[in-house]
């Protein structure tokens, strides 16, 4: 498989997180970036986006808690509808 070069500007915190991830996994920053881009695209192209996340990873806790509560309510409603049908 052929691979192409990608250049991107990211914030300091994002770069630090990427470097930490690469170190923990024992892979290069290039491989870590490839994995993250693939995972991000998979999420964006699916219905897995339940929690809003800012691009720099600094989503407010309140936003996450609110989104999680809403998702839980939706799941509970769906389960109740299935039981009643």
N, C-alpha and C. Protein backbone atom coordinates (compact mmCIF):
# COMPACT_ATOMS: atom_id res chain seq x y z
N UNK A 1 0.83 -1.16 0.00
CA UNK A 1 0.00 0.00 0.00
C UNK A 1 0.89 1.24 0.00
N UNK A 2 0.57 2.15 -0.87
CA UNK A 2 1.31 3.41 -0.97
C UNK A 2 0.79 4.39 0.07
N UNK A 3 1.70 5.15 0.66
CA UNK A 3 1.31 6.17 1.63
C UNK A 3 1.78 7.52 1.15
N UNK A 4 1.02 8.55 1.48
CA UNK A 4 1.34 9.92 1.10
C UNK A 4 1.68 10.73 2.34
N UNK A 5 2.39 11.81 2.13
CA UNK A 5 2.77 12.70 3.22
C UNK A 5 1.65 13.69 3.49
N UNK A 6 1.38 13.91 4.77
CA UNK A 6 0.36 14.85 5.21
C UNK A 6 1.02 15.88 6.11
N UNK A 7 0.79 17.14 5.83
CA UNK A 7 1.28 18.20 6.71
C UNK A 7 0.08 18.85 7.37
N UNK A 8 0.19 19.09 8.65
CA UNK A 8 -0.91 19.72 9.37
C UNK A 8 -0.37 20.53 10.53
N UNK A 9 -1.04 21.63 10.80
CA UNK A 9 -0.69 22.44 11.97
C UNK A 9 -1.66 22.06 13.08
N UNK A 10 -1.11 21.79 14.26
CA UNK A 10 -1.93 21.45 15.42
C UNK A 10 -1.47 22.28 16.61
N UNK A 11 -2.34 22.40 17.59
CA UNK A 11 -1.99 23.13 18.79
C UNK A 11 -0.95 22.39 19.61
N UNK A 12 -0.32 23.12 20.50
CA UNK A 12 0.73 22.54 21.35
C UNK A 12 0.22 21.34 22.14
N UNK A 13 -0.96 21.48 22.74
CA UNK A 13 -1.52 20.39 23.56
C UNK A 13 -1.83 19.16 22.70
N UNK A 14 -2.35 19.39 21.51
CA UNK A 14 -2.66 18.26 20.61
C UNK A 14 -1.39 17.52 20.23
N UNK A 15 -0.35 18.26 19.91
CA UNK A 15 0.93 17.63 19.55
C UNK A 15 1.48 16.85 20.74
N UNK A 16 1.39 17.42 21.91
CA UNK A 16 1.88 16.73 23.11
C UNK A 16 1.10 15.43 23.33
N UNK A 17 -0.20 15.48 23.15
CA UNK A 17 -1.02 14.27 23.31
C UNK A 17 -0.65 13.22 22.28
N UNK A 18 -0.43 13.65 21.04
CA UNK A 18 -0.06 12.72 19.97
C UNK A 18 1.29 12.08 20.27
N UNK A 19 2.25 12.88 20.72
CA UNK A 19 3.57 12.35 21.05
C UNK A 19 3.48 11.37 22.22
N UNK A 20 2.68 11.69 23.22
CA UNK A 20 2.48 10.78 24.35
C UNK A 20 1.88 9.46 23.88
N UNK A 21 0.87 9.56 23.02
CA UNK A 21 0.24 8.35 22.49
C UNK A 21 1.25 7.51 21.72
N UNK A 22 2.01 8.15 20.85
CA UNK A 22 3.01 7.42 20.05
C UNK A 22 4.03 6.73 20.95
N UNK A 23 4.49 7.43 21.98
CA UNK A 23 5.46 6.84 22.92
C UNK A 23 4.87 5.65 23.66
N UNK A 24 3.63 5.80 24.12
CA UNK A 24 2.98 4.70 24.86
C UNK A 24 2.78 3.47 23.98
N UNK A 25 2.49 3.69 22.71
CA UNK A 25 2.26 2.59 21.78
C UNK A 25 3.55 2.06 21.15
N UNK A 26 4.65 2.80 21.34
CA UNK A 26 5.92 2.39 20.74
C UNK A 26 5.94 2.52 19.23
N UNK A 27 5.27 3.57 18.73
CA UNK A 27 5.20 3.80 17.29
C UNK A 27 5.68 5.22 16.98
N UNK A 28 5.87 5.49 15.71
CA UNK A 28 6.30 6.83 15.29
C UNK A 28 5.12 7.80 15.35
N UNK A 29 5.42 9.10 15.35
CA UNK A 29 4.35 10.11 15.29
C UNK A 29 3.57 9.96 13.99
N UNK A 30 4.26 9.57 12.94
CA UNK A 30 3.60 9.38 11.65
C UNK A 30 2.55 8.27 11.74
N UNK A 31 2.92 7.14 12.33
CA UNK A 31 1.98 6.03 12.48
C UNK A 31 0.84 6.42 13.42
N UNK A 32 1.16 7.13 14.49
CA UNK A 32 0.13 7.58 15.43
C UNK A 32 -0.87 8.50 14.73
N UNK A 33 -0.34 9.41 13.91
CA UNK A 33 -1.20 10.32 13.17
C UNK A 33 -2.09 9.55 12.20
N UNK A 34 -1.53 8.58 11.51
CA UNK A 34 -2.30 7.76 10.58
C UNK A 34 -3.45 7.07 11.31
N UNK A 35 -3.17 6.48 12.47
CA UNK A 35 -4.21 5.81 13.26
C UNK A 35 -5.30 6.79 13.69
N UNK A 36 -4.88 7.95 14.18
CA UNK A 36 -5.85 8.93 14.69
C UNK A 36 -6.74 9.46 13.56
N UNK A 37 -6.15 9.72 12.40
CA UNK A 37 -6.94 10.21 11.27
C UNK A 37 -7.96 9.15 10.86
N UNK A 38 -7.53 7.89 10.77
CA UNK A 38 -8.46 6.82 10.40
C UNK A 38 -9.58 6.69 11.41
N UNK A 39 -9.23 6.70 12.70
CA UNK A 39 -10.26 6.57 13.74
C UNK A 39 -11.21 7.76 13.72
N UNK A 40 -10.66 8.95 13.56
CA UNK A 40 -11.50 10.14 13.50
C UNK A 40 -12.46 10.10 12.32
N UNK A 41 -11.98 9.68 11.17
CA UNK A 41 -12.84 9.56 10.00
C UNK A 41 -13.91 8.49 10.21
N UNK A 42 -13.53 7.37 10.83
CA UNK A 42 -14.50 6.32 11.12
C UNK A 42 -15.63 6.86 12.00
N UNK A 43 -15.27 7.63 13.00
CA UNK A 43 -16.28 8.20 13.90
C UNK A 43 -17.14 9.21 13.15
N UNK A 44 -16.52 10.10 12.41
CA UNK A 44 -17.27 11.13 11.69
C UNK A 44 -18.21 10.53 10.66
N UNK A 45 -17.84 9.39 10.08
CA UNK A 45 -18.66 8.77 9.04
C UNK A 45 -19.68 7.79 9.61
N UNK A 46 -19.75 7.68 10.92
CA UNK A 46 -20.67 6.72 11.54
C UNK A 46 -21.65 7.43 12.45
N UNK A 47 -22.43 6.66 13.17
CA UNK A 47 -23.37 7.19 14.15
C UNK A 47 -22.79 7.16 15.55
N UNK A 48 -21.47 7.04 15.67
CA UNK A 48 -20.84 6.92 16.98
C UNK A 48 -20.61 8.27 17.65
N UNK A 49 -20.96 9.36 16.99
CA UNK A 49 -20.69 10.69 17.53
C UNK A 49 -21.75 11.05 18.56
N UNK A 50 -21.59 10.58 19.78
CA UNK A 50 -22.54 10.87 20.84
C UNK A 50 -22.13 12.06 21.68
N UNK A 51 -20.83 12.35 21.74
CA UNK A 51 -20.32 13.41 22.60
C UNK A 51 -19.59 14.43 21.74
N UNK A 52 -20.00 15.70 21.83
CA UNK A 52 -19.27 16.71 21.06
C UNK A 52 -17.87 16.90 21.61
N UNK A 53 -16.89 16.90 20.73
CA UNK A 53 -15.49 17.05 21.14
C UNK A 53 -14.88 18.16 20.31
N UNK A 54 -14.20 19.06 20.97
CA UNK A 54 -13.51 20.12 20.25
C UNK A 54 -12.26 19.55 19.59
N UNK A 55 -11.85 20.14 18.51
CA UNK A 55 -10.70 19.63 17.75
C UNK A 55 -9.44 19.57 18.60
N UNK A 56 -9.31 20.46 19.58
CA UNK A 56 -8.11 20.45 20.41
C UNK A 56 -8.25 19.55 21.63
N UNK A 57 -9.37 18.82 21.71
CA UNK A 57 -9.58 17.89 22.83
C UNK A 57 -9.96 18.56 24.13
N UNK A 58 -10.31 19.84 24.09
CA UNK A 58 -10.61 20.55 25.34
C UNK A 58 -12.10 20.74 25.57
N UNK A 59 -12.91 19.74 25.24
CA UNK A 59 -14.34 19.82 25.45
C UNK A 59 -14.68 20.09 26.90
N UNK A 60 -15.66 20.97 27.14
CA UNK A 60 -16.05 21.30 28.51
C UNK A 60 -16.73 20.09 29.16
N UNK A 61 -16.44 19.87 30.43
CA UNK A 61 -17.01 18.74 31.15
C UNK A 61 -18.54 18.80 31.11
N UNK A 62 -19.09 20.00 31.24
CA UNK A 62 -20.55 20.14 31.23
C UNK A 62 -21.12 19.65 29.91
N UNK A 63 -20.45 19.97 28.79
CA UNK A 63 -20.91 19.53 27.48
C UNK A 63 -20.91 18.01 27.40
N UNK A 64 -19.87 17.39 27.90
CA UNK A 64 -19.75 15.94 27.86
C UNK A 64 -20.83 15.30 28.73
N UNK A 65 -21.02 15.83 29.93
CA UNK A 65 -22.03 15.28 30.83
C UNK A 65 -23.43 15.44 30.24
N UNK A 66 -23.71 16.60 29.66
CA UNK A 66 -25.02 16.83 29.06
C UNK A 66 -25.26 15.88 27.89
N UNK A 67 -24.26 15.70 27.03
CA UNK A 67 -24.39 14.82 25.88
C UNK A 67 -24.56 13.37 26.33
N UNK A 68 -23.82 12.96 27.36
CA UNK A 68 -23.94 11.60 27.87
C UNK A 68 -25.32 11.37 28.46
N UNK A 69 -25.84 12.35 29.18
CA UNK A 69 -27.17 12.23 29.76
C UNK A 69 -28.24 12.12 28.67
N UNK A 70 -28.10 12.94 27.62
CA UNK A 70 -29.04 12.90 26.50
C UNK A 70 -28.98 11.55 25.81
N UNK A 71 -27.77 11.03 25.58
CA UNK A 71 -27.62 9.72 24.93
C UNK A 71 -28.25 8.63 25.78
N UNK A 72 -28.06 8.70 27.09
CA UNK A 72 -28.65 7.71 28.00
C UNK A 72 -30.17 7.77 27.92
N UNK A 73 -30.72 8.99 27.91
CA UNK A 73 -32.17 9.15 27.81
C UNK A 73 -32.70 8.58 26.51
N UNK A 74 -31.98 8.81 25.41
CA UNK A 74 -32.40 8.29 24.11
C UNK A 74 -32.38 6.77 24.10
N UNK A 75 -31.36 6.18 24.70
CA UNK A 75 -31.26 4.72 24.77
C UNK A 75 -32.40 4.16 25.60
N UNK A 76 -32.68 4.79 26.74
CA UNK A 76 -33.77 4.34 27.61
C UNK A 76 -35.10 4.43 26.88
N UNK A 77 -35.33 5.53 26.16
CA UNK A 77 -36.57 5.70 25.40
C UNK A 77 -36.69 4.63 24.34
N UNK A 78 -35.61 4.36 23.63
CA UNK A 78 -35.62 3.34 22.57
C UNK A 78 -35.91 1.97 23.16
N UNK A 79 -35.29 1.65 24.28
CA UNK A 79 -35.54 0.36 24.92
C UNK A 79 -36.99 0.25 25.36
N UNK A 80 -37.56 1.31 25.91
CA UNK A 80 -38.96 1.30 26.35
C UNK A 80 -39.88 1.12 25.17
N UNK A 81 -39.58 1.79 24.04
CA UNK A 81 -40.39 1.64 22.85
C UNK A 81 -40.37 0.22 22.33
N UNK A 82 -39.22 -0.42 22.38
CA UNK A 82 -39.10 -1.81 21.92
C UNK A 82 -39.90 -2.74 22.80
N UNK A 83 -39.89 -2.51 24.11
CA UNK A 83 -40.64 -3.35 25.04
C UNK A 83 -42.14 -3.19 24.84
N UNK A 84 -42.58 -2.01 24.48
CA UNK A 84 -44.00 -1.74 24.32
C UNK A 84 -44.53 -2.12 22.95
N UNK A 85 -43.65 -2.50 22.03
CA UNK A 85 -44.14 -2.84 20.68
C UNK A 85 -44.30 -4.32 20.49
